PDB file of N, CA and C in Angstrom:
ATOM      1  N   MET A   1     -42.333  10.356 -18.911  1.00  0.00           N
ATOM      2  CA  MET A   1     -41.882  10.653 -17.554  1.00  0.00           C
ATOM      3  C   MET A   1     -41.226  12.029 -17.537  1.00  0.00           C
ATOM      4  N   ARG A   2     -41.703  12.854 -16.642  1.00  0.00           N
ATOM      5  CA  ARG A   2     -41.192  14.222 -16.561  1.00  0.00           C
ATOM      6  C   ARG A   2     -39.920  14.280 -15.720  1.00  0.00           C
ATOM      7  N   LYS A   3     -38.943  14.990 -16.211  1.00  0.00           N
ATOM      8  CA  LYS A   3     -37.678  15.116 -15.493  1.00  0.00           C
ATOM      9  C   LYS A   3     -37.843  16.138 -14.371  1.00  0.00           C
ATOM     10  N   THR A   4     -37.584  15.717 -13.154  1.00  0.00           N
ATOM     11  CA  THR A   4     -37.704  16.649 -12.022  1.00  0.00           C
ATOM     12  C   THR A   4     -36.315  17.056 -11.572  1.00  0.00           C
ATOM     13  N   SER A   5     -36.201  18.271 -11.138  1.00  0.00           N
ATOM     14  CA  SER A   5     -34.904  18.748 -10.665  1.00  0.00           C
ATOM     15  C   SER A   5     -34.872  18.615  -9.138  1.00  0.00           C
ATOM     16  N   ASP A   6     -34.391  17.456  -8.699  1.00  0.00           N
ATOM     17  CA  ASP A   6     -34.266  17.250  -7.252  1.00  0.00           C
ATOM     18  C   ASP A   6     -33.147  18.117  -6.687  1.00  0.00           C
ATOM     19  N   PHE A   7     -32.186  18.401  -7.563  1.00  0.00           N
ATOM     20  CA  PHE A   7     -31.031  19.173  -7.120  1.00  0.00           C
ATOM     21  C   PHE A   7     -31.152  20.567  -7.710  1.00  0.00           C
ATOM     22  N   ASP A   8     -31.621  21.494  -6.900  1.00  0.00           N
ATOM     23  CA  ASP A   8     -31.781  22.869  -7.361  1.00  0.00           C
ATOM     24  C   ASP A   8     -30.508  23.622  -7.002  1.00  0.00           C
ATOM     25  N   HIS A   9     -29.706  23.901  -8.006  1.00  0.00           N
ATOM     26  CA  HIS A   9     -28.398  24.501  -7.763  1.00  0.00           C
ATOM     27  C   HIS A   9     -28.357  25.953  -8.212  1.00  0.00           C
ATOM     28  N   ASP A  10     -27.810  26.784  -7.349  1.00  0.00           N
ATOM     29  CA  ASP A  10     -27.587  28.179  -7.721  1.00  0.00           C
ATOM     30  C   ASP A  10     -26.200  28.256  -8.354  1.00  0.00           C
ATOM     31  N   TRP A  11     -26.170  28.381  -9.674  1.00  0.00           N
ATOM     32  CA  TRP A  11     -24.890  28.341 -10.384  1.00  0.00           C
ATOM     33  C   TRP A  11     -24.025  29.557 -10.091  1.00  0.00           C
ATOM     34  N   ASN A  12     -24.581  30.587  -9.505  1.00  0.00           N
ATOM     35  CA  ASN A  12     -23.787  31.762  -9.160  1.00  0.00           C
ATOM     36  C   ASN A  12     -23.157  31.630  -7.769  1.00  0.00           C
ATOM     37  N   ASP A  13     -23.543  30.576  -7.049  1.00  0.00           N
ATOM     38  CA  ASP A  13     -23.012  30.382  -5.703  1.00  0.00           C
ATOM     39  C   ASP A  13     -21.620  29.763  -5.794  1.00  0.00           C
ATOM     40  N   VAL A  14     -20.633  30.480  -5.294  1.00  0.00           N
ATOM     41  CA  VAL A  14     -19.265  29.964  -5.300  1.00  0.00           C
ATOM     42  C   VAL A  14     -18.880  29.667  -3.856  1.00  0.00           C
ATOM     43  N   THR A  15     -18.759  28.401  -3.560  1.00  0.00           N
ATOM     44  CA  THR A  15     -18.386  28.006  -2.202  1.00  0.00           C
ATOM     45  C   THR A  15     -16.894  27.693  -2.180  1.00  0.00           C
ATOM     46  N   ILE A  16     -16.196  28.328  -1.280  1.00  0.00           N
ATOM     47  CA  ILE A  16     -14.750  28.105  -1.173  1.00  0.00           C
ATOM     48  C   ILE A  16     -14.495  27.213   0.037  1.00  0.00           C
ATOM     49  N   PHE A  17     -13.810  26.108  -0.223  1.00  0.00           N
ATOM     50  CA  PHE A  17     -13.494  25.179   0.857  1.00  0.00           C
ATOM     51  C   PHE A  17     -12.107  25.469   1.391  1.00  0.00           C
ATOM     52  N   GLU A  18     -11.982  25.326   2.692  1.00  0.00           N
ATOM     53  CA  GLU A  18     -10.689  25.556   3.322  1.00  0.00           C
ATOM     54  C   GLU A  18      -9.766  24.375   3.021  1.00  0.00           C
ATOM     55  N   LYS A  19      -8.560  24.665   2.574  1.00  0.00           N
ATOM     56  CA  LYS A  19      -7.601  23.604   2.287  1.00  0.00           C
ATOM     57  C   LYS A  19      -6.946  23.172   3.591  1.00  0.00           C
ATOM     58  N   LEU A  20      -7.082  21.912   3.908  1.00  0.00           N
ATOM     59  CA  LEU A  20      -6.479  21.396   5.129  1.00  0.00           C
ATOM     60  C   LEU A  20      -5.082  20.886   4.830  1.00  0.00           C
ATOM     61  N   PRO A  21      -4.140  21.108   5.741  1.00  0.00           N
ATOM     62  CA  PRO A  21      -2.779  20.626   5.498  1.00  0.00           C
ATOM     63  C   PRO A  21      -2.737  19.098   5.538  1.00  0.00           C
ATOM     64  N   VAL A  22      -1.998  18.526   4.610  1.00  0.00           N
ATOM     65  CA  VAL A  22      -1.858  17.078   4.562  1.00  0.00           C
ATOM     66  C   VAL A  22      -0.498  16.724   5.150  1.00  0.00           C
ATOM     67  N   ARG A  23      -0.555  15.978   6.244  1.00  0.00           N
ATOM     68  CA  ARG A  23       0.697  15.592   6.889  1.00  0.00           C
ATOM     69  C   ARG A  23       1.100  14.224   6.396  1.00  0.00           C
ATOM     70  N   LYS A  24       2.290  14.127   5.830  1.00  0.00           N
ATOM     71  CA  LYS A  24       2.786  12.842   5.364  1.00  0.00           C
ATOM     72  C   LYS A  24       3.440  12.139   6.546  1.00  0.00           C
ATOM     73  N   VAL A  25       2.840  11.052   6.945  1.00  0.00           N
ATOM     74  CA  VAL A  25       3.318  10.322   8.116  1.00  0.00           C
ATOM     75  C   VAL A  25       4.160   9.149   7.652  1.00  0.00           C
ATOM     76  N   ALA A  26       5.229   8.896   8.364  1.00  0.00           N
ATOM     77  CA  ALA A  26       6.081   7.752   8.035  1.00  0.00           C
ATOM     78  C   ALA A  26       5.273   6.475   8.191  1.00  0.00           C
ATOM     79  N   LYS A  27       5.572   5.507   7.330  1.00  0.00           N
ATOM     80  CA  LYS A  27       4.837   4.246   7.385  1.00  0.00           C
ATOM     81  C   LYS A  27       5.093   3.547   8.710  1.00  0.00           C
ATOM     82  N   LYS A  28       4.019   2.970   9.237  1.00  0.00           N
ATOM     83  CA  LYS A  28       4.134   2.268  10.504  1.00  0.00           C
ATOM     84  C   LYS A  28       4.888   0.966  10.294  1.00  0.00           C
ATOM     85  N   ALA A  29       5.626   0.558  11.305  1.00  0.00           N
ATOM     86  CA  ALA A  29       6.356  -0.694  11.228  1.00  0.00           C
ATOM     87  C   ALA A  29       5.373  -1.851  11.153  1.00  0.00           C
ATOM     88  N   LYS A  30       5.775  -2.879  10.436  1.00  0.00           N
ATOM     89  CA  LYS A  30       4.907  -4.046  10.317  1.00  0.00           C
ATOM     90  C   LYS A  30       4.737  -4.696  11.675  1.00  0.00           C
ATOM     91  N   LYS A  31       3.516  -5.082  11.965  1.00  0.00           N
ATOM     92  CA  LYS A  31       3.259  -5.736  13.247  1.00  0.00           C
ATOM     93  C   LYS A  31       3.850  -7.136  13.274  1.00  0.00           C
ATOM     94  N   HIS A  32       3.856  -7.773  12.101  1.00  0.00           N
ATOM     95  CA  HIS A  32       4.330  -9.150  12.027  1.00  0.00           C
ATOM     96  C   HIS A  32       5.720  -9.183  11.409  1.00  0.00           C
ATOM     97  N   ASP A  33       6.649  -9.819  12.081  1.00  0.00           N
ATOM     98  CA  ASP A  33       8.026  -9.875  11.604  1.00  0.00           C
ATOM     99  C   ASP A  33       8.250 -11.160  10.812  1.00  0.00           C
ATOM    100  N   ASP A  34       8.510 -11.021   9.519  1.00  0.00           N
ATOM    101  CA  ASP A  34       8.728 -12.179   8.657  1.00  0.00           C
ATOM    102  C   ASP A  34      10.185 -12.319   8.244  1.00  0.00           C
ATOM    103  N   SER A  35      11.084 -11.710   8.987  1.00  0.00           N
ATOM    104  CA  SER A  35      12.496 -11.775   8.596  1.00  0.00           C
ATOM    105  C   SER A  35      13.037 -13.201   8.669  1.00  0.00           C
ATOM    106  N   TRP A  36      12.436 -14.043   9.520  1.00  0.00           N
ATOM    107  CA  TRP A  36      12.910 -15.422   9.635  1.00  0.00           C
ATOM    108  C   TRP A  36      12.724 -16.174   8.326  1.00  0.00           C
ATOM    109  N   LYS A  37      11.733 -15.778   7.534  1.00  0.00           N
ATOM    110  CA  LYS A  37      11.498 -16.442   6.253  1.00  0.00           C
ATOM    111  C   LYS A  37      12.653 -16.167   5.293  1.00  0.00           C
ATOM    112  N   GLN A  38      13.116 -14.936   5.283  1.00  0.00           N
ATOM    113  CA  GLN A  38      14.228 -14.580   4.395  1.00  0.00           C
ATOM    114  C   GLN A  38      15.487 -15.337   4.784  1.00  0.00           C
ATOM    115  N   LYS A  39      15.744 -15.432   6.084  1.00  0.00           N
ATOM    116  CA  LYS A  39      16.937 -16.153   6.551  1.00  0.00           C
ATOM    117  C   LYS A  39      16.841 -17.628   6.180  1.00  0.00           C
ATOM    118  N   ARG A  40      15.663 -18.221   6.378  1.00  0.00           N
ATOM    119  CA  ARG A  40      15.473 -19.640   6.088  1.00  0.00           C
ATOM    120  C   ARG A  40      15.644 -19.910   4.595  1.00  0.00           C
ATOM    121  N   LYS A  41      15.102 -19.008   3.774  1.00  0.00           N
ATOM    122  CA  LYS A  41      15.216 -19.183   2.324  1.00  0.00           C
ATOM    123  C   LYS A  41      16.677 -19.099   1.894  1.00  0.00           C
ATOM    124  N   ALA A  42      17.429 -18.167   2.485  1.00  0.00           N
ATOM    125  CA  ALA A  42      18.840 -18.015   2.143  1.00  0.00           C
ATOM    126  C   ALA A  42      19.629 -19.253   2.549  1.00  0.00           C
ATOM    127  N   LEU A  43      19.326 -19.806   3.743  1.00  0.00           N
ATOM    128  CA  LEU A  43      20.019 -21.006   4.194  1.00  0.00           C
ATOM    129  C   LEU A  43      19.703 -22.199   3.291  1.00  0.00           C
ATOM    130  N   ARG A  44      18.456 -22.345   2.899  1.00  0.00           N
ATOM    131  CA  ARG A  44      18.068 -23.448   2.021  1.00  0.00           C
ATOM    132  C   ARG A  44      18.737 -23.319   0.660  1.00  0.00           C
ATOM    133  N   ARG A  45      18.813 -22.099   0.159  1.00  0.00           N
ATOM    134  CA  ARG A  45      19.463 -21.864  -1.146  1.00  0.00           C
ATOM    135  C   ARG A  45      20.953 -22.185  -1.061  1.00  0.00           C
ATOM    136  N   ALA A  46      21.583 -21.782   0.037  1.00  0.00           N
ATOM    137  CA  ALA A  46      23.014 -22.063   0.216  1.00  0.00           C
ATOM    138  C   ALA A  46      23.250 -23.573   0.278  1.00  0.00           C
ATOM    139  N   LYS A  47      22.390 -24.268   0.995  1.00  0.00           N
ATOM    140  CA  LYS A  47      22.511 -25.727   1.101  1.00  0.00           C
ATOM    141  C   LYS A  47      22.338 -26.381  -0.272  1.00  0.00           C
ATOM    142  N   GLN A  48      21.385 -25.897  -1.029  1.00  0.00           N
ATOM    143  CA  GLN A  48      21.127 -26.444  -2.362  1.00  0.00           C
ATOM    144  C   GLN A  48      22.333 -26.228  -3.280  1.00  0.00           C
ATOM    145  N   VAL A  49      22.911 -25.046  -3.220  1.00  0.00           N
ATOM    146  CA  VAL A  49      24.075 -24.734  -4.047  1.00  0.00           C
ATOM    147  C   VAL A  49      25.254 -25.630  -3.657  1.00  0.00           C
ATOM    148  N   MET A  50      25.457 -25.823  -2.354  1.00  0.00           N
ATOM    149  CA  MET A  50      26.543 -26.678  -1.891  1.00  0.00           C
ATOM    150  C   MET A  50      26.349 -28.111  -2.377  1.00  0.00           C
ATOM    151  N   GLN A  51      25.118 -28.611  -2.346  1.00  0.00           N
ATOM    152  CA  GLN A  51      24.840 -29.968  -2.812  1.00  0.00           C
ATOM    153  C   GLN A  51      25.083 -30.096  -4.310  1.00  0.00           C
ATOM    154  N   GLU A  52      24.731 -29.063  -5.067  1.00  0.00           N
ATOM    155  CA  GLU A  52      24.967 -29.086  -6.507  1.00  0.00           C
ATOM    156  C   GLU A  52      26.450 -29.136  -6.803  1.00  0.00           C
ATOM    157  N   ILE A  53      27.239 -28.417  -6.014  1.00  0.00           N
ATOM    158  CA  ILE A  53      28.696 -28.392  -6.232  1.00  0.00           C
ATOM    159  C   ILE A  53      29.311 -29.737  -5.868  1.00  0.00           C
ATOM    160  N   THR A  54      28.941 -30.282  -4.714  1.00  0.00           N
ATOM    161  CA  THR A  54      29.582 -31.510  -4.241  1.00  0.00           C
ATOM    162  C   THR A  54      29.129 -32.743  -5.010  1.00  0.00           C
ATOM    163  N   HIS A  55      27.903 -32.774  -5.513  1.00  0.00           N
ATOM    164  CA  HIS A  55      27.400 -33.963  -6.200  1.00  0.00           C
ATOM    165  C   HIS A  55      27.457 -33.846  -7.720  1.00  0.00           C
ATOM    166  N   ALA A  56      27.993 -32.769  -8.206  1.00  0.00           N
ATOM    167  CA  ALA A  56      28.053 -32.608  -9.672  1.00  0.00           C
ATOM    168  C   ALA A  56      29.240 -33.343 -10.257  1.00  0.00           C
TER     169      ALA A  56
END
């Protein structure tokens, strides 16, 4: 099988690409608010600790 050069490149051709500025954007706020999970977990943990103290 003969190797064909589908990509004929001129090695002397130097193409300069324009550097585009990269803007760092602040992260978007989460659409879904899961803060209630943290509060519920903290309340359950507090209840568990209280039960361990009172029943120990």
